[in-house]
Structures are given as C-alpha cells and as structure tokens.
Amino acid sequence: MTEPARLNILFVDDDPLVLQGLQRMLRPMRNEWAMTFIESGAKALELLEGDSFDVIVSDMRMPAMNGAQLLSEVKNRHPRTVRLILSGHADKELILQCIGSAHQFLVKPCDPETLRTAIARASTFSSSAKSEQIRKFVARMDRIPTVPGIYSEMVEKLKQEDVSIDDIGSLIEKDPAITAKLLKLVNSAFFGLCREVSSPSEAAAYLGIDTMKALVLGVNAFQSFEGVKIRGLAIDHLWSHSLEVASVARKIVENSCVPRVYGDESFVAGMLHDIGKLVLATNAPAEYEDVLRRAKTEAAPFHHIEEEIFGANHADVAGLVLSLWGLPGRVVEAIAHHHDPAASGASGMNPVIAVHLANAIVHDKEHTGAAERVLNRGFLESIGVQPEISEWMELAI
C-alpha cells in the first residue's frame, strides 16, 4: 500500500540559532514532515519558485523583508500554500500588515505542541476541501477573521495554577474595542443579569471564564467584518442568531449525560457556526448576493445553493478557516458539520449534534417550519437522539 505523502514545510527565520532550535524540537516529526529551514525572505521566495510547499512558517521581525511582506508575496505567488506567522506581543503594527496574508498567528516563544498542532491543522486544511475551487478560494481570501491576541494570552494565562478572574479581566481590558463590545453584550437582555456589569472581571465572575473566552472569540470574529455591506445579509441578525444557537446548544448538552466540557465547546461552536457566511460574502460579494437572491425564491436549502456556486458551503469554509485557530477538534467538527452531522461520525450527543439541533430550533423559532430544511431526522434517530424539535423548544430563549 502506498504511504501518504509527507507534508512539505518551509521555516523562515533570520536567526540561525532559532532555526537550529526548531530543527531539534521538530525532529520527532521528520517521518511525517519534509522540513526546510531558510534564513531570509528572499531565499524563501527563491526556493518556493522551484519547489511546492504545503505550509510556510515565518518569523515576523526580519531584516530586508519582514514576515508580513514575505507572506504577502507568498499569498500572491503561491496562494495554495498555508501561511503561518510567528510574532511577539510587541508586533501589533506588523501584525496589522499581515491581516489577509497570514492564516494563523503563533505567539513567540511557541512551545513544541502548539506548533505541531498548528501545522497538523494546516495539513487538514490543505487536504480536506471539497473541491479545487474552494481550496483556491479559501487560500486567496483577503478578509479572514483571525484569533485575537487577547484570546491567545488568556489560554496561556489559564495554564498557570494561580491565575485569577482579575488576571483574566485585566487581559481583556488591554483591548478597549473588545472590552466595550463585551460589556454591551453582557449588559444586554440576552444574559439577563440582575445588575449592570462595569468590567470584564465582573463579567467573568458572573458568566465564568470559559464563557468569556468564547465571547472574546465571537466578538472579535464578527468585529472583523464591521462596515461590510452585503445586500440581503444582515450581520446584526447573524450575530444574534449565532448567540442564541450558542446558548441553546449549551443547554442541550447540559440536559444530557455527557462530559461538562461539551457544554463550553458547544457554546463556542454555536457562536461561530455561521461565520463562514461572512467569509464567503465579504470575499465574493457578487456571488454571495446571488446565493441570497436564489434562497428567497428556491426551495433548496441555503447551504446547497452555496455548494452549487462555490463548490462548498459556509460550514465547510468555516471549518477550514477555524481549524487553523487551534480550537479543540470537537469545536471545529461541530462548526464544519452543523448541516451534515452524519459526516462527523458522531454516535451520540456531542457538540456536533448539539449545534445541529440548536440551529434547527432557532431557525424554527424565527420562521415556523424552517427546522425541517436543516434537520437530519434520520441520522438523529439512528444514534438515539430525539429529533422532535417541539421537545427541545423549551430550551430556546
């Protein structure tokens, strides 16, 4: 039997000691990855002209050509190559230059497991697209939501045994835009708190740190598309729909005998399950307006129309994009398969099933009967999950 081809990865850093460290750190992966280490952006571009690389991992601060400039060139010349950037916390201005060019930002110093996971997800990204058309489309996107630095810092901070809610609140407050949007959301009727919350620390105390982490991700993702106007697509409605799906998905899990972590993962997945619509709409507005127009007059499900036009639907695109964020595998699966849970291989209640059900429930609440267009009754029955929406409706807000 033919062995699968090794992933071809190019590492770029102007410091030879850093490259040597990467070689040592990643030596256990040499049977799975073909790795090349180069000391400048110019040499990397020269090498790319003669060889095909699946992934490039570049340092940010380099002389002559920095990481932002390099990845911009790679995007234009080799759009199918997945692009990862290594950056320090002080690189905010350079990071802004990378938006649209980098698929994922990794914070330095980057531990081996984080780097391995990011590259492994890049491998999945490279091989799981439904068609050549969508692979090229995703690789060439100009507008793509990226993992906020605040979220990455929260994840690292939470690894410390003595971390407190105040520590997490202080991290969030470093980003005034996210803080303002979070407080507006937390003080809205959606959460129904009995008093006004005035700081991220207070919000974390009321809602829990895991919910705050999820809200940081969701607020940042939707904030990436502020100011975008696509005829027929109401971003505010999409955001409120996503929040409600997140809430219902978590309640479904909490009412089932499954691990507690499934609830937090279902909340994150529910909040981001439709982000692929914004990605498609902002990167191909004319085609997406055609999707929206046809959806009003045709009986076909919305995601089927997307597949006809793009070769994949918004769930596929979101799964591909968000797989590069380093989110838990069950979260990515729940997002990618929320229209087709059978493809996930689920055998019982988990985040995939919870988000699939929650999406149907919220659609039915918005438009009576709409659940039947998105619900996979046959599959739910086959794995022993109650498919009757009326039985779950009481969990909706």
Protein backbone atom coordinates (compact mmCIF):
# COMPACT_ATOMS: atom_id res chain seq x y z
CA MET A 1 0.00 0.00 0.00
CA THR A 2 1.33 3.45 -0.92
CA GLU A 3 2.33 5.58 2.08
CA PRO A 4 0.75 9.06 2.34
CA ALA A 5 2.97 11.88 1.10
CA ARG A 6 4.79 13.85 3.78
CA LEU A 7 3.71 17.44 4.38
CA ASN A 8 6.27 19.82 2.86
CA ILE A 9 7.01 22.70 5.28
CA LEU A 10 9.25 25.75 4.93
CA PHE A 11 10.53 27.52 8.07
CA VAL A 12 11.93 31.07 7.75
CA ASP A 13 13.88 32.95 10.45
CA ASP A 14 16.90 35.23 10.22
CA ASP A 15 18.39 33.81 13.44
CA PRO A 16 20.37 30.58 12.78
CA LEU A 17 20.07 29.60 16.45
CA VAL A 18 16.26 29.77 16.23
CA LEU A 19 16.31 27.57 13.13
CA GLN A 20 18.57 25.07 14.86
CA GLY A 21 16.19 25.04 17.82
CA LEU A 22 13.24 24.38 15.52
CA GLN A 23 15.11 21.51 13.86
CA ARG A 24 15.82 19.89 17.21
CA MET A 25 12.30 20.49 18.50
CA LEU A 26 10.62 19.04 15.42
CA ARG A 27 12.97 16.10 14.82
CA PRO A 28 10.31 13.62 16.04
CA MET A 29 8.13 14.76 13.11
CA ARG A 30 10.69 14.07 10.37
CA ASN A 31 8.90 10.87 9.24
CA GLU A 32 5.67 12.84 8.68
CA TRP A 33 7.02 16.20 7.50
CA ALA A 34 9.64 17.19 4.94
CA MET A 35 11.16 20.31 6.55
CA THR A 36 13.36 23.03 5.05
CA PHE A 37 14.93 25.85 7.09
CA ILE A 38 15.83 29.18 5.42
CA GLU A 39 17.39 32.38 6.88
CA SER A 40 15.69 35.11 4.79
CA GLY A 41 12.51 36.00 2.98
CA ALA A 42 14.33 36.46 -0.33
CA LYS A 43 15.81 32.94 -0.15
CA ALA A 44 12.40 31.57 0.80
CA LEU A 45 10.75 33.11 -2.28
CA GLU A 46 13.54 31.79 -4.49
CA LEU A 47 13.07 28.30 -3.06
CA LEU A 48 9.30 28.48 -3.48
CA GLU A 49 9.72 29.08 -7.20
CA GLY A 50 11.39 25.71 -7.62
CA ASP A 51 9.50 23.59 -5.11
CA SER A 52 5.93 23.17 -3.88
CA PHE A 53 5.38 23.74 -0.14
CA ASP A 54 2.17 22.95 1.73
CA VAL A 55 2.96 25.28 4.66
CA ILE A 56 5.28 28.22 5.35
CA VAL A 57 6.07 29.28 8.94
CA SER A 58 7.80 32.67 9.09
CA ASP A 59 9.25 34.84 11.83
CA MET A 60 7.82 38.37 11.90
CA ARG A 61 10.83 40.60 12.52
CA MET A 62 13.47 40.00 9.86
CA PRO A 63 15.80 42.47 8.05
CA ALA A 64 15.26 43.42 4.40
CA MET A 65 11.93 41.57 4.19
CA ASN A 66 9.80 41.04 7.29
CA GLY A 67 7.28 38.28 7.80
CA ALA A 68 4.32 40.42 6.74
CA GLN A 69 5.97 41.30 3.44
CA LEU A 70 7.05 37.71 2.83
CA LEU A 71 3.63 36.20 3.42
CA SER A 72 2.01 38.84 1.23
CA GLU A 73 4.30 37.76 -1.62
CA VAL A 74 3.64 34.08 -0.92
CA LYS A 75 -0.10 34.71 -0.99
CA ASN A 76 0.12 36.36 -4.41
CA ARG A 77 2.56 33.92 -5.98
CA HIS A 78 1.61 30.64 -4.27
CA PRO A 79 -1.97 31.01 -2.98
CA ARG A 80 -2.37 27.32 -2.07
CA THR A 81 0.46 27.44 0.48
CA VAL A 82 -0.87 27.75 4.04
CA ARG A 83 0.77 30.73 5.77
CA LEU A 84 1.63 30.86 9.50
CA ILE A 85 3.41 33.75 11.26
CA LEU A 86 5.47 33.71 14.47
CA SER A 87 5.21 37.02 16.31
CA GLY A 88 5.93 38.61 19.68
CA HIS A 89 3.39 40.56 21.73
CA ALA A 90 5.09 43.84 20.71
CA ASP A 91 4.48 43.26 16.99
CA LYS A 92 0.95 44.72 16.84
CA GLU A 93 1.64 47.16 13.98
CA LEU A 94 3.31 44.46 11.89
CA ILE A 95 0.50 42.04 12.66
CA LEU A 96 -1.98 44.51 11.16
CA GLN A 97 0.02 44.31 7.93
CA CYS A 98 -0.47 40.53 7.95
CA ILE A 99 -4.26 40.52 8.07
CA GLY A 100 -5.36 38.72 4.92
CA SER A 101 -1.89 37.28 4.31
CA ALA A 102 -1.46 35.03 7.35
CA HIS A 103 -3.86 32.20 8.10
CA GLN A 104 -2.77 31.97 11.73
CA PHE A 105 -0.60 33.91 14.20
CA LEU A 106 1.53 31.97 16.68
CA VAL A 107 2.86 33.85 19.70
CA LYS A 108 6.59 33.59 20.48
CA PRO A 109 8.00 31.74 22.29
CA CYS A 110 5.96 28.93 20.80
CA ASP A 111 6.05 25.58 22.58
CA PRO A 112 6.50 22.41 20.51
CA GLU A 113 2.96 21.10 20.98
CA THR A 114 1.36 24.38 19.89
CA LEU A 115 3.49 24.50 16.75
CA ARG A 116 2.88 20.84 15.95
CA THR A 117 -0.88 21.27 16.42
CA ALA A 118 -0.96 24.38 14.19
CA ILE A 119 0.92 22.63 11.41
CA ALA A 120 -1.19 19.48 11.77
CA ARG A 121 -4.32 21.60 11.38
CA ALA A 122 -2.73 23.26 8.37
CA SER A 123 -2.32 19.77 6.93
CA THR A 124 -6.03 19.13 7.43
CA PHE A 125 -6.80 22.48 5.82
CA SER A 126 -4.67 21.55 2.81
CA SER A 127 -6.35 18.19 2.21
CA SER A 128 -9.98 18.43 3.34
CA ALA A 129 -11.53 20.94 0.96
CA LYS A 130 -14.39 19.59 -1.15
CA SER A 131 -13.04 20.94 -4.41
CA GLU A 132 -10.09 22.63 -6.02
CA GLN A 133 -12.24 25.72 -6.47
CA ILE A 134 -12.88 26.20 -2.75
CA ARG A 135 -9.27 25.37 -1.81
CA LYS A 136 -8.08 28.19 -4.01
CA PHE A 137 -10.83 30.49 -2.77
CA VAL A 138 -10.00 29.97 0.91
CA ALA A 139 -6.27 30.34 0.29
CA ARG A 140 -6.72 33.69 -1.52
CA MET A 141 -9.15 35.31 0.92
CA ASP A 142 -8.47 38.95 1.74
CA ARG A 143 -10.90 39.19 4.67
CA ILE A 144 -10.44 36.44 7.23
CA PRO A 145 -11.16 36.52 10.97
CA THR A 146 -8.01 35.82 12.99
CA VAL A 147 -7.53 34.61 16.54
CA PRO A 148 -7.33 37.72 18.77
CA GLY A 149 -4.08 38.12 20.68
CA ILE A 150 -6.11 38.58 23.87
CA TYR A 151 -7.60 35.09 23.46
CA SER A 152 -4.17 33.51 22.97
CA GLU A 153 -2.92 35.29 26.09
CA MET A 154 -5.96 34.09 28.05
CA VAL A 155 -5.27 30.48 27.03
CA GLU A 156 -1.64 30.80 28.14
CA LYS A 157 -2.58 32.55 31.40
CA LEU A 158 -5.11 29.84 32.27
CA LYS A 159 -2.33 27.26 32.21
CA GLN A 160 -0.97 28.89 35.37
CA GLU A 161 -2.20 27.41 38.65
CA ASP A 162 -2.55 30.76 40.44
CA VAL A 163 -4.50 32.61 37.72
CA SER A 164 -7.47 34.65 39.00
CA ILE A 165 -10.58 36.18 37.48
CA ASP A 166 -9.00 39.61 37.94
CA ASP A 167 -5.99 38.46 35.89
CA ILE A 168 -8.30 37.46 33.03
CA GLY A 169 -10.26 40.71 33.32
CA SER A 170 -7.05 42.73 33.13
CA LEU A 171 -6.03 40.91 29.96
CA ILE A 172 -9.35 41.65 28.25
CA GLU A 173 -9.18 45.32 29.28
CA LYS A 174 -5.97 45.66 27.25
CA ASP A 175 -8.21 45.74 24.15
CA PRO A 176 -10.68 48.66 24.58
CA ALA A 177 -12.71 47.75 21.48
CA ILE A 178 -13.36 44.16 22.60
CA THR A 179 -13.99 45.34 26.18
CA ALA A 180 -16.64 47.83 25.05
CA LYS A 181 -18.46 45.28 22.90
CA LEU A 182 -18.27 42.61 25.58
CA LEU A 183 -19.75 44.87 28.26
CA LYS A 184 -22.52 45.99 25.92
CA LEU A 185 -23.37 42.35 25.21
CA VAL A 186 -23.09 41.16 28.83
CA ASN A 187 -25.38 44.00 29.98
CA SER A 188 -27.96 43.26 27.29
CA ALA A 189 -31.21 41.36 27.83
CA PHE A 190 -29.58 38.30 26.30
CA PHE A 191 -27.82 37.40 29.56
CA GLY A 192 -30.43 38.92 31.88
CA LEU A 193 -28.04 39.74 34.73
CA CYS A 194 -29.61 41.29 37.81
CA ARG A 195 -27.16 44.22 37.91
CA GLU A 196 -25.07 46.26 35.49
CA VAL A 197 -21.57 44.90 34.96
CA SER A 198 -18.85 47.52 34.57
CA SER A 199 -15.69 45.47 33.97
CA PRO A 200 -14.55 42.24 32.27
CA SER A 201 -13.57 40.89 35.71
CA GLU A 202 -17.15 41.31 36.94
CA ALA A 203 -18.46 39.71 33.75
CA ALA A 204 -16.14 36.72 34.20
CA ALA A 205 -17.30 36.35 37.81
CA TYR A 206 -20.96 36.21 36.71
CA LEU A 207 -20.62 34.21 33.49
CA GLY A 208 -17.48 32.15 34.06
CA ILE A 209 -14.09 32.32 32.39
CA ASP A 210 -14.95 29.75 29.70
CA THR A 211 -17.93 31.83 28.56
CA MET A 212 -15.76 34.95 28.49
CA LYS A 213 -13.18 33.15 26.36
CA ALA A 214 -15.92 32.18 23.92
CA LEU A 215 -17.34 35.71 23.81
CA VAL A 216 -13.89 37.16 23.09
CA LEU A 217 -13.62 34.83 20.09
CA GLY A 218 -17.11 35.61 18.81
CA VAL A 219 -16.93 39.37 19.30
CA ASN A 220 -13.54 39.51 17.56
CA ALA A 221 -14.68 37.33 14.65
CA PHE A 222 -17.76 39.43 13.91
CA GLN A 223 -15.83 42.66 14.57
CA SER A 224 -13.53 41.66 11.69
CA PHE A 225 -16.42 42.30 9.29
CA GLU A 226 -17.66 45.63 10.67
CA GLY A 227 -18.56 48.10 7.96
CA VAL A 228 -19.10 45.38 5.37
CA LYS A 229 -22.36 45.79 3.49
CA ILE A 230 -23.72 42.85 1.51
CA ARG A 231 -27.18 43.34 0.05
CA GLY A 232 -29.57 40.90 1.72
CA LEU A 233 -27.20 39.90 4.54
CA ALA A 234 -27.91 41.43 7.97
CA ILE A 235 -24.79 40.99 10.11
CA ASP A 236 -26.58 42.07 13.31
CA HIS A 237 -29.20 39.37 12.78
CA LEU A 238 -26.50 36.79 12.05
CA TRP A 239 -24.77 37.73 15.32
CA SER A 240 -27.95 37.46 17.41
CA HIS A 241 -28.84 34.17 15.69
CA SER A 242 -25.36 32.81 16.47
CA LEU A 243 -25.57 33.85 20.12
CA GLU A 244 -28.91 32.12 20.52
CA VAL A 245 -27.67 28.96 18.82
CA ALA A 246 -24.69 29.01 21.20
CA SER A 247 -26.96 29.34 24.23
CA VAL A 248 -29.38 26.61 23.13
CA ALA A 249 -26.55 24.24 22.17
CA ARG A 250 -25.05 24.53 25.64
CA LYS A 251 -28.46 23.94 27.27
CA ILE A 252 -28.98 20.82 25.14
CA VAL A 253 -25.67 19.40 26.32
CA GLU A 254 -26.36 20.36 29.94
CA ASN A 255 -29.61 18.40 29.73
CA SER A 256 -27.77 15.31 28.54
CA CYS A 257 -25.46 12.87 30.33
CA VAL A 258 -22.22 13.92 28.65
CA PRO A 259 -18.90 15.46 29.81
CA ARG A 260 -19.19 19.04 31.11
CA VAL A 261 -16.58 20.30 28.65
CA TYR A 262 -19.03 19.55 25.82
CA GLY A 263 -21.18 22.47 27.04
CA ASP A 264 -18.39 25.05 26.68
CA GLU A 265 -17.34 23.60 23.32
CA SER A 266 -20.93 23.67 22.06
CA PHE A 267 -21.25 27.33 23.10
CA VAL A 268 -18.12 28.32 21.15
CA ALA A 269 -19.15 26.28 18.11
CA GLY A 270 -22.68 27.68 18.14
CA MET A 271 -21.39 31.23 18.26
CA LEU A 272 -19.06 30.69 15.29
CA HIS A 273 -21.11 28.19 13.25
CA ASP A 274 -22.22 30.74 10.62
CA ILE A 275 -19.02 32.79 10.38
CA GLY A 276 -18.41 31.11 7.02
CA LYS A 277 -21.31 33.13 5.59
CA LEU A 278 -19.43 36.35 6.33
CA VAL A 279 -16.20 34.93 4.96
CA LEU A 280 -17.88 33.96 1.69
CA ALA A 281 -19.91 37.16 1.43
CA THR A 282 -17.02 39.55 2.01
CA ASN A 283 -14.57 37.73 -0.25
CA ALA A 284 -17.03 37.10 -3.10
CA PRO A 285 -19.84 39.66 -2.66
CA ALA A 286 -21.36 39.37 -6.14
CA GLU A 287 -21.61 35.59 -5.97
CA TYR A 288 -23.00 35.70 -2.46
CA GLU A 289 -25.68 38.19 -3.41
CA ASP A 290 -26.71 35.59 -5.99
CA VAL A 291 -26.90 32.97 -3.20
CA LEU A 292 -29.12 35.27 -1.13
CA ARG A 293 -31.34 36.10 -4.09
CA ARG A 294 -31.85 32.45 -5.03
CA ALA A 295 -32.53 31.44 -1.43
CA LYS A 296 -35.60 33.70 -1.40
CA THR A 297 -37.23 32.00 -4.38
CA GLU A 298 -35.95 28.41 -4.38
CA ALA A 299 -36.94 25.52 -2.13
CA ALA A 300 -33.38 24.18 -1.93
CA PRO A 301 -31.63 24.53 1.45
CA PHE A 302 -29.40 27.60 1.74
CA HIS A 303 -26.18 25.61 2.09
CA HIS A 304 -26.99 23.58 -1.04
CA ILE A 305 -27.21 26.78 -3.08
CA GLU A 306 -23.82 27.82 -1.71
CA GLU A 307 -22.38 24.48 -2.81
CA GLU A 308 -23.69 24.97 -6.34
CA ILE A 309 -22.00 28.36 -6.61
CA PHE A 310 -18.80 27.91 -4.58
CA GLY A 311 -18.23 24.16 -4.55
CA ALA A 312 -18.65 24.13 -0.74
CA ASN A 313 -20.94 25.73 1.82
CA HIS A 314 -20.38 28.18 4.67
CA ALA A 315 -19.92 25.33 7.16
CA ASP A 316 -17.12 23.83 5.06
CA VAL A 317 -15.40 27.20 4.74
CA ALA A 318 -15.72 28.00 8.45
CA GLY A 319 -14.37 24.57 9.37
CA LEU A 320 -11.35 25.07 7.12
CA VAL A 321 -10.64 28.58 8.36
CA LEU A 322 -11.22 27.92 12.05
CA SER A 323 -9.23 24.68 12.00
CA LEU A 324 -6.17 26.95 11.78
CA TRP A 325 -7.08 28.71 15.03
CA GLY A 326 -6.04 25.80 17.21
CA LEU A 327 -9.56 25.36 18.66
CA PRO A 328 -10.48 21.93 20.09
CA GLY A 329 -11.23 19.34 17.44
CA ARG A 330 -14.83 18.87 18.60
CA VAL A 331 -15.46 22.62 18.19
CA VAL A 332 -14.15 22.60 14.61
CA GLU A 333 -16.16 19.45 13.81
CA ALA A 334 -19.34 20.98 15.23
CA ILE A 335 -18.89 24.04 13.03
CA ALA A 336 -17.91 22.13 9.89
CA HIS A 337 -20.71 19.54 10.22
CA HIS A 338 -23.58 21.54 11.66
CA HIS A 339 -25.60 20.87 8.49
CA ASP A 340 -24.36 17.31 7.98
CA PRO A 341 -23.78 15.69 11.40
CA ALA A 342 -23.68 12.22 9.86
CA ALA A 343 -20.36 13.11 8.20
CA SER A 344 -18.79 13.63 11.62
CA GLY A 345 -19.21 10.02 12.64
CA ALA A 346 -20.99 11.03 15.86
CA SER A 347 -22.59 8.14 17.75
CA GLY A 348 -24.40 10.11 20.45
CA MET A 349 -24.86 13.54 21.98
CA ASN A 350 -21.79 15.75 21.49
CA PRO A 351 -21.12 19.35 20.27
CA VAL A 352 -21.82 18.38 16.62
CA ILE A 353 -25.29 17.10 17.47
CA ALA A 354 -25.98 19.93 19.94
CA VAL A 355 -25.19 22.66 17.40
CA HIS A 356 -27.12 20.84 14.65
CA LEU A 357 -30.19 20.66 16.90
CA ALA A 358 -29.79 24.20 18.26
CA ASN A 359 -29.50 25.64 14.76
CA ALA A 360 -32.74 23.92 13.75
CA ILE A 361 -34.51 25.08 16.93
CA VAL A 362 -33.52 28.73 16.47
CA HIS A 363 -34.42 28.67 12.76
CA ASP A 364 -37.82 27.25 13.69
CA LYS A 365 -38.30 29.94 16.32
CA GLU A 366 -37.51 32.61 13.70
CA HIS A 367 -39.68 31.01 10.98
CA THR A 368 -42.10 28.25 11.93
CA GLY A 369 -41.37 25.08 9.98
CA ALA A 370 -37.86 26.17 8.98
CA ALA A 371 -36.30 23.40 11.10
CA GLU A 372 -37.28 20.76 8.57
CA ARG A 373 -34.96 22.32 5.99
CA VAL A 374 -31.89 21.86 8.17
CA LEU A 375 -32.68 18.93 10.49
CA ASN A 376 -31.33 15.45 9.71
CA ARG A 377 -34.08 13.42 11.38
CA GLY A 378 -32.99 10.05 10.05
CA PHE A 379 -29.48 10.34 11.40
CA LEU A 380 -30.59 11.64 14.80
CA GLU A 381 -32.97 8.71 15.19
CA SER A 382 -30.23 6.26 14.18
CA ILE A 383 -28.00 7.42 17.06
CA GLY A 384 -30.80 7.55 19.62
CA VAL A 385 -31.27 11.34 19.80
CA GLN A 386 -34.82 12.73 19.95
CA PRO A 387 -35.36 14.57 16.62
CA GLU A 388 -38.66 16.23 17.55
CA ILE A 389 -37.98 19.98 17.68
CA SER A 390 -41.04 20.56 19.87
CA GLU A 391 -39.36 18.50 22.61
CA TRP A 392 -36.34 20.84 22.60
CA MET A 393 -38.06 24.19 22.01
CA GLU A 394 -38.40 24.97 25.72
CA LEU A 395 -34.62 25.38 25.83
CA ALA A 396 -34.79 28.32 23.42
CA ILE A 397 -34.63 31.81 24.89
